[in-house]
Amino acid sequence: MNNAEPTDLDDLVEYLARTTRLERGQAERLVDEVLSFLGELPEQFVRRRHLELQRQGLSNALIFARLDQELSRRRFAAPAYSRRQLRRIVYG
């Protein structure tokens, strides 16, 4: 978003800078981070979350059950993955 051409999100950046304590550069970074978060594909989410939960010491059985729940609440319309499909996403 740091290019010279105005984007569709300039209004949002200006609004955030005007209505919060964020400076324009901070508002741009915030919008970029939100877009990146919302642009994550289901498979990317599964891999990322599996690794995060694994690092917390959860077993795969608990991880895949939690992924089932979390996928249903995400903004993307993720298909209803079976546990086997979730494992394939993680391990190939």
N, C-alpha and C. Protein backbone atom coordinates (compact mmCIF):
# COMPACT_ATOMS: atom_id res chain seq x y z
N MET A 1 0.81 -1.20 0.00
CA MET A 1 0.00 0.00 0.00
C MET A 1 0.85 1.26 0.00
N ASN A 2 2.13 1.13 0.02
CA ASN A 2 3.00 2.29 0.08
C ASN A 2 3.34 2.85 -1.29
N ASN A 3 2.60 2.47 -2.31
CA ASN A 3 2.89 2.99 -3.64
C ASN A 3 2.26 4.37 -3.81
N ALA A 4 2.61 5.06 -4.89
CA ALA A 4 2.14 6.42 -5.12
C ALA A 4 0.70 6.47 -5.58
N GLU A 5 0.21 5.39 -6.19
CA GLU A 5 -1.17 5.37 -6.67
C GLU A 5 -2.15 5.15 -5.53
N PRO A 6 -3.25 5.89 -5.52
CA PRO A 6 -4.25 5.63 -4.47
C PRO A 6 -4.90 4.27 -4.68
N THR A 7 -5.24 3.62 -3.60
CA THR A 7 -5.90 2.32 -3.67
C THR A 7 -7.32 2.46 -3.14
N ASP A 8 -8.08 1.39 -3.30
CA ASP A 8 -9.44 1.38 -2.78
C ASP A 8 -9.45 1.47 -1.26
N LEU A 9 -8.33 1.14 -0.65
CA LEU A 9 -8.28 1.12 0.80
C LEU A 9 -7.75 2.41 1.41
N ASP A 10 -7.43 3.39 0.59
CA ASP A 10 -6.94 4.66 1.13
C ASP A 10 -7.98 5.30 2.04
N ASP A 11 -9.25 5.18 1.68
CA ASP A 11 -10.30 5.73 2.55
C ASP A 11 -10.29 5.06 3.91
N LEU A 12 -10.08 3.76 3.94
CA LEU A 12 -10.03 3.03 5.21
C LEU A 12 -8.82 3.47 6.02
N VAL A 13 -7.67 3.59 5.36
CA VAL A 13 -6.46 4.04 6.05
C VAL A 13 -6.68 5.43 6.63
N GLU A 14 -7.23 6.33 5.84
CA GLU A 14 -7.50 7.69 6.32
C GLU A 14 -8.47 7.68 7.49
N TYR A 15 -9.50 6.85 7.40
CA TYR A 15 -10.48 6.75 8.48
C TYR A 15 -9.82 6.26 9.76
N LEU A 16 -9.00 5.22 9.66
CA LEU A 16 -8.32 4.69 10.84
C LEU A 16 -7.39 5.74 11.46
N ALA A 17 -6.66 6.44 10.61
CA ALA A 17 -5.74 7.48 11.11
C ALA A 17 -6.51 8.62 11.77
N ARG A 18 -7.66 8.93 11.23
CA ARG A 18 -8.47 10.04 11.76
C ARG A 18 -9.20 9.68 13.04
N THR A 19 -9.64 8.43 13.16
CA THR A 19 -10.50 8.05 14.29
C THR A 19 -9.80 7.29 15.40
N THR A 20 -8.51 7.03 15.22
CA THR A 20 -7.74 6.33 16.25
C THR A 20 -6.47 7.13 16.52
N ARG A 21 -5.63 6.61 17.35
CA ARG A 21 -4.36 7.26 17.63
C ARG A 21 -3.25 6.78 16.70
N LEU A 22 -3.63 6.04 15.68
CA LEU A 22 -2.65 5.52 14.73
C LEU A 22 -2.20 6.61 13.77
N GLU A 23 -0.91 6.61 13.48
CA GLU A 23 -0.41 7.46 12.41
C GLU A 23 -0.71 6.77 11.09
N ARG A 24 -0.62 7.51 10.00
CA ARG A 24 -0.98 6.94 8.69
C ARG A 24 -0.17 5.68 8.39
N GLY A 25 1.12 5.70 8.63
CA GLY A 25 1.96 4.52 8.37
C GLY A 25 1.53 3.32 9.19
N GLN A 26 1.15 3.57 10.43
CA GLN A 26 0.67 2.48 11.30
C GLN A 26 -0.65 1.94 10.78
N ALA A 27 -1.53 2.84 10.34
CA ALA A 27 -2.82 2.42 9.80
C ALA A 27 -2.63 1.59 8.54
N GLU A 28 -1.68 1.98 7.69
CA GLU A 28 -1.39 1.20 6.48
C GLU A 28 -0.91 -0.20 6.84
N ARG A 29 -0.02 -0.28 7.82
CA ARG A 29 0.49 -1.60 8.23
C ARG A 29 -0.63 -2.45 8.82
N LEU A 30 -1.51 -1.82 9.59
CA LEU A 30 -2.63 -2.55 10.17
C LEU A 30 -3.52 -3.13 9.07
N VAL A 31 -3.87 -2.32 8.09
CA VAL A 31 -4.71 -2.78 6.99
C VAL A 31 -4.01 -3.90 6.23
N ASP A 32 -2.71 -3.75 5.97
CA ASP A 32 -1.95 -4.80 5.29
C ASP A 32 -1.99 -6.11 6.08
N GLU A 33 -1.83 -6.03 7.40
CA GLU A 33 -1.84 -7.23 8.24
C GLU A 33 -3.22 -7.89 8.23
N VAL A 34 -4.27 -7.09 8.31
CA VAL A 34 -5.63 -7.64 8.29
C VAL A 34 -5.90 -8.33 6.96
N LEU A 35 -5.50 -7.69 5.86
CA LEU A 35 -5.71 -8.29 4.55
C LEU A 35 -4.94 -9.60 4.41
N SER A 36 -3.73 -9.61 4.93
CA SER A 36 -2.93 -10.83 4.90
C SER A 36 -3.61 -11.94 5.70
N PHE A 37 -4.12 -11.59 6.87
CA PHE A 37 -4.81 -12.56 7.72
C PHE A 37 -6.05 -13.10 7.01
N LEU A 38 -6.83 -12.21 6.43
CA LEU A 38 -8.07 -12.63 5.77
C LEU A 38 -7.81 -13.35 4.46
N GLY A 39 -6.64 -13.15 3.86
CA GLY A 39 -6.31 -13.80 2.60
C GLY A 39 -5.74 -15.20 2.75
N GLU A 40 -5.56 -15.63 3.99
CA GLU A 40 -4.99 -16.96 4.23
C GLU A 40 -5.94 -18.03 3.72
N LEU A 41 -5.41 -18.95 2.96
CA LEU A 41 -6.21 -20.06 2.43
C LEU A 41 -6.41 -21.11 3.52
N PRO A 42 -7.46 -21.92 3.42
CA PRO A 42 -7.70 -22.94 4.44
C PRO A 42 -6.50 -23.85 4.68
N GLU A 43 -5.83 -24.27 3.61
CA GLU A 43 -4.69 -25.16 3.76
C GLU A 43 -3.54 -24.47 4.51
N GLN A 44 -3.32 -23.19 4.21
CA GLN A 44 -2.28 -22.42 4.92
C GLN A 44 -2.63 -22.30 6.40
N PHE A 45 -3.90 -22.04 6.68
CA PHE A 45 -4.36 -21.92 8.06
C PHE A 45 -4.13 -23.24 8.80
N VAL A 46 -4.50 -24.36 8.18
CA VAL A 46 -4.35 -25.67 8.83
C VAL A 46 -2.88 -25.93 9.17
N ARG A 47 -2.00 -25.67 8.21
CA ARG A 47 -0.57 -25.90 8.46
C ARG A 47 -0.04 -25.00 9.58
N ARG A 48 -0.40 -23.71 9.51
CA ARG A 48 0.08 -22.76 10.51
C ARG A 48 -0.43 -23.12 11.90
N ARG A 49 -1.73 -23.37 12.01
CA ARG A 49 -2.32 -23.66 13.31
C ARG A 49 -1.82 -24.99 13.87
N HIS A 50 -1.64 -25.99 13.00
CA HIS A 50 -1.13 -27.27 13.45
C HIS A 50 0.23 -27.07 14.12
N LEU A 51 1.09 -26.33 13.46
CA LEU A 51 2.42 -26.08 14.01
C LEU A 51 2.34 -25.30 15.33
N GLU A 52 1.48 -24.29 15.39
CA GLU A 52 1.31 -23.52 16.63
C GLU A 52 0.83 -24.40 17.78
N LEU A 53 -0.17 -25.21 17.51
CA LEU A 53 -0.74 -26.07 18.55
C LEU A 53 0.23 -27.19 18.94
N GLN A 54 0.98 -27.68 17.97
CA GLN A 54 2.00 -28.70 18.25
C GLN A 54 3.07 -28.14 19.17
N ARG A 55 3.46 -26.90 18.93
CA ARG A 55 4.46 -26.23 19.78
C ARG A 55 3.95 -26.01 21.21
N GLN A 56 2.62 -25.99 21.35
CA GLN A 56 2.03 -25.86 22.69
C GLN A 56 1.95 -27.21 23.40
N GLY A 57 2.34 -28.27 22.69
CA GLY A 57 2.38 -29.59 23.30
C GLY A 57 1.10 -30.41 23.15
N LEU A 58 0.17 -29.96 22.33
CA LEU A 58 -1.06 -30.72 22.13
C LEU A 58 -0.80 -31.94 21.26
N SER A 59 -1.55 -32.99 21.51
CA SER A 59 -1.46 -34.20 20.70
C SER A 59 -2.19 -33.96 19.38
N ASN A 60 -1.85 -34.77 18.37
CA ASN A 60 -2.52 -34.62 17.08
C ASN A 60 -4.03 -34.83 17.20
N ALA A 61 -4.45 -35.75 18.03
CA ALA A 61 -5.89 -35.98 18.19
C ALA A 61 -6.58 -34.69 18.65
N LEU A 62 -6.00 -34.01 19.63
CA LEU A 62 -6.58 -32.75 20.11
C LEU A 62 -6.44 -31.64 19.07
N ILE A 63 -5.30 -31.63 18.39
CA ILE A 63 -5.08 -30.60 17.37
C ILE A 63 -6.11 -30.71 16.26
N PHE A 64 -6.32 -31.91 15.73
CA PHE A 64 -7.25 -32.05 14.62
C PHE A 64 -8.69 -31.78 15.05
N ALA A 65 -9.04 -32.11 16.28
CA ALA A 65 -10.37 -31.77 16.79
C ALA A 65 -10.54 -30.26 16.86
N ARG A 66 -9.49 -29.58 17.34
CA ARG A 66 -9.56 -28.12 17.44
C ARG A 66 -9.60 -27.49 16.05
N LEU A 67 -8.82 -28.02 15.11
CA LEU A 67 -8.86 -27.49 13.75
C LEU A 67 -10.25 -27.61 13.15
N ASP A 68 -10.90 -28.73 13.40
CA ASP A 68 -12.30 -28.90 12.95
C ASP A 68 -13.16 -27.73 13.41
N GLN A 69 -13.05 -27.42 14.68
CA GLN A 69 -13.86 -26.33 15.26
C GLN A 69 -13.46 -24.97 14.70
N GLU A 70 -12.15 -24.71 14.66
CA GLU A 70 -11.68 -23.40 14.22
C GLU A 70 -12.00 -23.13 12.75
N LEU A 71 -11.92 -24.14 11.91
CA LEU A 71 -12.23 -23.95 10.49
C LEU A 71 -13.67 -23.52 10.28
N SER A 72 -14.57 -24.01 11.10
CA SER A 72 -15.98 -23.67 10.93
C SER A 72 -16.26 -22.22 11.32
N ARG A 73 -15.35 -21.61 12.06
CA ARG A 73 -15.56 -20.22 12.50
C ARG A 73 -14.75 -19.21 11.69
N ARG A 74 -13.94 -19.67 10.77
CA ARG A 74 -13.10 -18.76 9.98
C ARG A 74 -13.92 -18.06 8.92
N ARG A 75 -13.38 -16.97 8.41
CA ARG A 75 -14.08 -16.16 7.43
C ARG A 75 -14.18 -16.85 6.08
N PHE A 76 -13.22 -17.69 5.74
CA PHE A 76 -13.31 -18.38 4.46
C PHE A 76 -14.28 -19.55 4.58
N ALA A 77 -14.84 -19.89 3.46
CA ALA A 77 -15.76 -21.02 3.44
C ALA A 77 -14.94 -22.29 3.22
N ALA A 78 -14.44 -22.80 4.30
CA ALA A 78 -13.63 -24.02 4.21
C ALA A 78 -14.56 -25.23 4.07
N PRO A 79 -14.18 -26.14 3.22
CA PRO A 79 -14.97 -27.37 3.14
C PRO A 79 -14.87 -28.13 4.46
N ALA A 80 -15.78 -29.01 4.67
CA ALA A 80 -15.74 -29.84 5.88
C ALA A 80 -14.70 -30.92 5.67
N TYR A 81 -13.48 -30.68 6.16
CA TYR A 81 -12.40 -31.64 6.01
C TYR A 81 -12.57 -32.79 7.00
N SER A 82 -12.26 -33.99 6.54
CA SER A 82 -12.19 -35.13 7.46
C SER A 82 -10.86 -35.04 8.20
N ARG A 83 -10.71 -35.77 9.27
CA ARG A 83 -9.43 -35.76 10.00
C ARG A 83 -8.30 -36.27 9.08
N ARG A 84 -8.63 -37.23 8.25
CA ARG A 84 -7.63 -37.75 7.32
C ARG A 84 -7.17 -36.65 6.35
N GLN A 85 -8.12 -35.86 5.84
CA GLN A 85 -7.77 -34.78 4.93
C GLN A 85 -6.92 -33.72 5.65
N LEU A 86 -7.24 -33.44 6.90
CA LEU A 86 -6.44 -32.49 7.67
C LEU A 86 -5.00 -33.00 7.82
N ARG A 87 -4.86 -34.28 8.11
CA ARG A 87 -3.53 -34.86 8.22
C ARG A 87 -2.76 -34.76 6.90
N ARG A 88 -3.45 -34.98 5.79
CA ARG A 88 -2.80 -34.89 4.48
C ARG A 88 -2.34 -33.48 4.19
N ILE A 89 -3.11 -32.48 4.61
CA ILE A 89 -2.70 -31.09 4.42
C ILE A 89 -1.40 -30.83 5.18
N VAL A 90 -1.34 -31.34 6.39
CA VAL A 90 -0.17 -31.11 7.25
C VAL A 90 1.03 -31.91 6.78
N TYR A 91 0.83 -33.17 6.53
CA TYR A 91 1.96 -34.07 6.25
C TYR A 91 2.15 -34.41 4.78
N GLY A 92 1.22 -34.01 3.94
CA GLY A 92 1.37 -34.27 2.50
C GLY A 92 0.92 -35.61 2.06
